[in-house]
Amino acid sequence: MTPEVEKYYENYFDLFTTDGWKQYVEQVEAEKDNFLIENIKDDRDLYAKQGQLYVINNILNFESMIRNAYDSIQEDEDA
């Protein structure tokens, strides 16, 4: 792994340990818990809600995606 790539991942790992990141994830989780589909009016509204939910899930899974990518690079280098 190049020093630049290592630094890229280290920056994210540092971010994930901060109170601000944890607070942000908690807020997004709360938004997801309060996400209501009962009030969808039409197809356009449905597509908008799907897009919002897609973004919320990406945020909630971001840390795992970064860690998995890093682990994959490490495994490739060890092979």
N, C-alpha and C. Protein backbone atom coordinates (compact mmCIF):
# COMPACT_ATOMS: atom_id res chain seq x y z
N MET A 1 0.86 -1.17 0.00
CA MET A 1 0.00 0.00 0.00
C MET A 1 0.90 1.23 0.00
N THR A 2 0.58 2.16 -0.84
CA THR A 2 1.40 3.37 -0.90
C THR A 2 1.16 4.22 0.34
N PRO A 3 2.10 5.09 0.65
CA PRO A 3 1.89 5.99 1.80
C PRO A 3 0.64 6.86 1.64
N GLU A 4 0.34 7.25 0.41
CA GLU A 4 -0.84 8.08 0.17
C GLU A 4 -2.13 7.32 0.48
N VAL A 5 -2.18 6.06 0.04
CA VAL A 5 -3.37 5.25 0.30
C VAL A 5 -3.49 4.95 1.79
N GLU A 6 -2.37 4.66 2.43
CA GLU A 6 -2.37 4.41 3.87
C GLU A 6 -2.89 5.64 4.62
N LYS A 7 -2.44 6.82 4.22
CA LYS A 7 -2.89 8.07 4.86
C LYS A 7 -4.39 8.29 4.62
N TYR A 8 -4.85 7.97 3.43
CA TYR A 8 -6.27 8.08 3.07
C TYR A 8 -7.12 7.30 4.08
N TYR A 9 -6.75 6.05 4.32
CA TYR A 9 -7.51 5.22 5.24
C TYR A 9 -7.31 5.66 6.69
N GLU A 10 -6.11 6.05 7.06
CA GLU A 10 -5.86 6.53 8.42
C GLU A 10 -6.73 7.73 8.75
N ASN A 11 -6.90 8.63 7.79
CA ASN A 11 -7.76 9.80 8.00
C ASN A 11 -9.19 9.37 8.32
N TYR A 12 -9.70 8.40 7.58
CA TYR A 12 -11.05 7.90 7.86
C TYR A 12 -11.11 7.21 9.22
N PHE A 13 -10.13 6.38 9.53
CA PHE A 13 -10.14 5.69 10.81
C PHE A 13 -10.09 6.69 11.97
N ASP A 14 -9.33 7.77 11.80
CA ASP A 14 -9.32 8.83 12.82
C ASP A 14 -10.70 9.47 12.94
N LEU A 15 -11.34 9.73 11.81
CA LEU A 15 -12.67 10.33 11.80
C LEU A 15 -13.66 9.46 12.56
N PHE A 16 -13.61 8.16 12.33
CA PHE A 16 -14.59 7.25 12.92
C PHE A 16 -14.48 7.18 14.44
N THR A 17 -13.37 7.61 15.01
CA THR A 17 -13.20 7.58 16.46
C THR A 17 -13.68 8.85 17.15
N THR A 18 -14.05 9.87 16.37
CA THR A 18 -14.43 11.14 16.98
C THR A 18 -15.87 11.11 17.50
N ASP A 19 -16.10 11.93 18.50
CA ASP A 19 -17.45 12.08 19.03
C ASP A 19 -18.38 12.66 17.98
N GLY A 20 -17.86 13.54 17.14
CA GLY A 20 -18.68 14.16 16.10
C GLY A 20 -19.22 13.13 15.12
N TRP A 21 -18.37 12.18 14.70
CA TRP A 21 -18.83 11.13 13.79
C TRP A 21 -19.90 10.27 14.46
N LYS A 22 -19.63 9.88 15.70
CA LYS A 22 -20.59 9.05 16.43
C LYS A 22 -21.93 9.78 16.59
N GLN A 23 -21.86 11.07 16.89
CA GLN A 23 -23.07 11.87 17.03
C GLN A 23 -23.82 11.95 15.71
N TYR A 24 -23.10 12.15 14.63
CA TYR A 24 -23.71 12.24 13.30
C TYR A 24 -24.41 10.92 12.94
N VAL A 25 -23.76 9.79 13.17
CA VAL A 25 -24.35 8.49 12.87
C VAL A 25 -25.60 8.27 13.71
N GLU A 26 -25.55 8.65 14.98
CA GLU A 26 -26.74 8.52 15.84
C GLU A 26 -27.90 9.35 15.30
N GLN A 27 -27.60 10.56 14.83
CA GLN A 27 -28.63 11.42 14.28
C GLN A 27 -29.24 10.80 13.02
N VAL A 28 -28.40 10.28 12.15
CA VAL A 28 -28.89 9.66 10.92
C VAL A 28 -29.70 8.40 11.25
N GLU A 29 -29.26 7.62 12.23
CA GLU A 29 -30.04 6.45 12.65
C GLU A 29 -31.41 6.86 13.17
N ALA A 30 -31.47 7.94 13.92
CA ALA A 30 -32.75 8.44 14.43
C ALA A 30 -33.65 8.88 13.28
N GLU A 31 -33.06 9.52 12.28
CA GLU A 31 -33.84 9.92 11.11
C GLU A 31 -34.39 8.70 10.39
N LYS A 32 -33.56 7.67 10.28
CA LYS A 32 -34.03 6.45 9.62
C LYS A 32 -35.15 5.80 10.41
N ASP A 33 -35.04 5.79 11.74
CA ASP A 33 -36.08 5.21 12.58
C ASP A 33 -37.40 5.97 12.43
N ASN A 34 -37.32 7.26 12.14
CA ASN A 34 -38.52 8.09 11.99
C ASN A 34 -38.95 8.24 10.53
N PHE A 35 -38.33 7.48 9.66
CA PHE A 35 -38.63 7.55 8.23
C PHE A 35 -39.98 6.90 7.97
N LEU A 36 -40.93 7.67 7.51
CA LEU A 36 -42.29 7.18 7.31
C LEU A 36 -42.59 6.98 5.83
N ILE A 37 -43.10 5.82 5.52
CA ILE A 37 -43.49 5.58 4.14
C ILE A 37 -45.02 5.64 3.97
N GLU A 38 -45.71 5.78 5.08
CA GLU A 38 -47.17 5.81 5.03
C GLU A 38 -47.72 7.03 4.30
N ASN A 39 -46.93 8.08 4.25
CA ASN A 39 -47.42 9.35 3.68
C ASN A 39 -47.01 9.54 2.23
N ILE A 40 -46.55 8.49 1.57
CA ILE A 40 -46.15 8.60 0.16
C ILE A 40 -47.39 8.88 -0.68
N LYS A 41 -47.30 9.93 -1.50
CA LYS A 41 -48.45 10.39 -2.27
C LYS A 41 -48.54 9.77 -3.66
N ASP A 42 -47.39 9.62 -4.31
CA ASP A 42 -47.40 9.16 -5.69
C ASP A 42 -46.04 8.56 -6.05
N ASP A 43 -45.88 8.20 -7.31
CA ASP A 43 -44.63 7.59 -7.76
C ASP A 43 -43.42 8.50 -7.54
N ARG A 44 -43.59 9.76 -7.84
CA ARG A 44 -42.47 10.71 -7.68
C ARG A 44 -42.03 10.79 -6.22
N ASP A 45 -43.00 10.83 -5.34
CA ASP A 45 -42.70 10.88 -3.90
C ASP A 45 -42.02 9.58 -3.47
N LEU A 46 -42.48 8.46 -4.00
CA LEU A 46 -41.86 7.17 -3.70
C LEU A 46 -40.39 7.17 -4.13
N TYR A 47 -40.11 7.63 -5.33
CA TYR A 47 -38.73 7.66 -5.83
C TYR A 47 -37.86 8.59 -4.98
N ALA A 48 -38.44 9.70 -4.55
CA ALA A 48 -37.69 10.63 -3.69
C ALA A 48 -37.36 9.96 -2.35
N LYS A 49 -38.34 9.28 -1.78
CA LYS A 49 -38.11 8.58 -0.51
C LYS A 49 -37.08 7.47 -0.67
N GLN A 50 -37.13 6.75 -1.79
CA GLN A 50 -36.13 5.71 -2.04
C GLN A 50 -34.74 6.31 -2.12
N GLY A 51 -34.61 7.44 -2.77
CA GLY A 51 -33.32 8.12 -2.86
C GLY A 51 -32.82 8.56 -1.49
N GLN A 52 -33.72 9.11 -0.69
CA GLN A 52 -33.34 9.53 0.66
C GLN A 52 -32.88 8.34 1.50
N LEU A 53 -33.61 7.25 1.40
CA LEU A 53 -33.25 6.05 2.15
C LEU A 53 -31.92 5.47 1.67
N TYR A 54 -31.67 5.54 0.38
CA TYR A 54 -30.39 5.09 -0.18
C TYR A 54 -29.23 5.88 0.43
N VAL A 55 -29.39 7.19 0.51
CA VAL A 55 -28.34 8.05 1.08
C VAL A 55 -28.15 7.74 2.56
N ILE A 56 -29.24 7.60 3.29
CA ILE A 56 -29.16 7.29 4.72
C ILE A 56 -28.42 5.98 4.94
N ASN A 57 -28.76 4.96 4.17
CA ASN A 57 -28.09 3.67 4.32
C ASN A 57 -26.61 3.75 3.96
N ASN A 58 -26.27 4.53 2.94
CA ASN A 58 -24.85 4.71 2.59
C ASN A 58 -24.08 5.35 3.73
N ILE A 59 -24.67 6.33 4.37
CA ILE A 59 -24.01 6.98 5.51
C ILE A 59 -23.82 5.99 6.65
N LEU A 60 -24.88 5.24 6.95
CA LEU A 60 -24.81 4.30 8.07
C LEU A 60 -23.84 3.15 7.80
N ASN A 61 -23.62 2.81 6.55
CA ASN A 61 -22.72 1.72 6.20
C ASN A 61 -21.33 2.19 5.78
N PHE A 62 -21.10 3.48 5.79
CA PHE A 62 -19.85 4.04 5.27
C PHE A 62 -18.62 3.51 6.02
N GLU A 63 -18.69 3.50 7.34
CA GLU A 63 -17.54 3.03 8.11
C GLU A 63 -17.21 1.58 7.77
N SER A 64 -18.22 0.75 7.68
CA SER A 64 -18.00 -0.66 7.33
C SER A 64 -17.42 -0.80 5.93
N MET A 65 -17.90 0.00 5.00
CA MET A 65 -17.39 -0.06 3.63
C MET A 65 -15.91 0.31 3.58
N ILE A 66 -15.53 1.34 4.32
CA ILE A 66 -14.13 1.77 4.34
C ILE A 66 -13.27 0.70 4.99
N ARG A 67 -13.71 0.17 6.11
CA ARG A 67 -12.93 -0.87 6.80
C ARG A 67 -12.81 -2.13 5.93
N ASN A 68 -13.88 -2.52 5.25
CA ASN A 68 -13.82 -3.68 4.38
C ASN A 68 -12.87 -3.47 3.20
N ALA A 69 -12.89 -2.28 2.64
CA ALA A 69 -11.98 -1.97 1.53
C ALA A 69 -10.54 -2.04 1.99
N TYR A 70 -10.27 -1.48 3.16
CA TYR A 70 -8.91 -1.51 3.72
C TYR A 70 -8.47 -2.95 3.98
N ASP A 71 -9.35 -3.74 4.59
CA ASP A 71 -9.03 -5.14 4.87
C ASP A 71 -8.76 -5.91 3.58
N SER A 72 -9.53 -5.62 2.55
CA SER A 72 -9.34 -6.29 1.27
C SER A 72 -7.98 -5.97 0.67
N ILE A 73 -7.58 -4.72 0.76
CA ILE A 73 -6.26 -4.33 0.26
C ILE A 73 -5.17 -5.04 1.06
N GLN A 74 -5.35 -5.08 2.37
CA GLN A 74 -4.37 -5.76 3.23
C GLN A 74 -4.26 -7.24 2.87
N GLU A 75 -5.40 -7.89 2.64
CA GLU A 75 -5.39 -9.31 2.30
C GLU A 75 -4.71 -9.54 0.95
N ASP A 76 -4.98 -8.66 -0.03
CA ASP A 76 -4.34 -8.79 -1.33
C ASP A 76 -2.84 -8.64 -1.23
N GLU A 77 -2.39 -7.74 -0.38
CA GLU A 77 -0.95 -7.54 -0.22
C GLU A 77 -0.29 -8.71 0.51
N ASP A 78 -1.02 -9.35 1.42
CA ASP A 78 -0.48 -10.46 2.18
C ASP A 78 -0.45 -11.76 1.36
N ALA A 79 -1.24 -11.79 0.28
CA ALA A 79 -1.31 -13.02 -0.54
C ALA A 79 -0.10 -13.19 -1.42
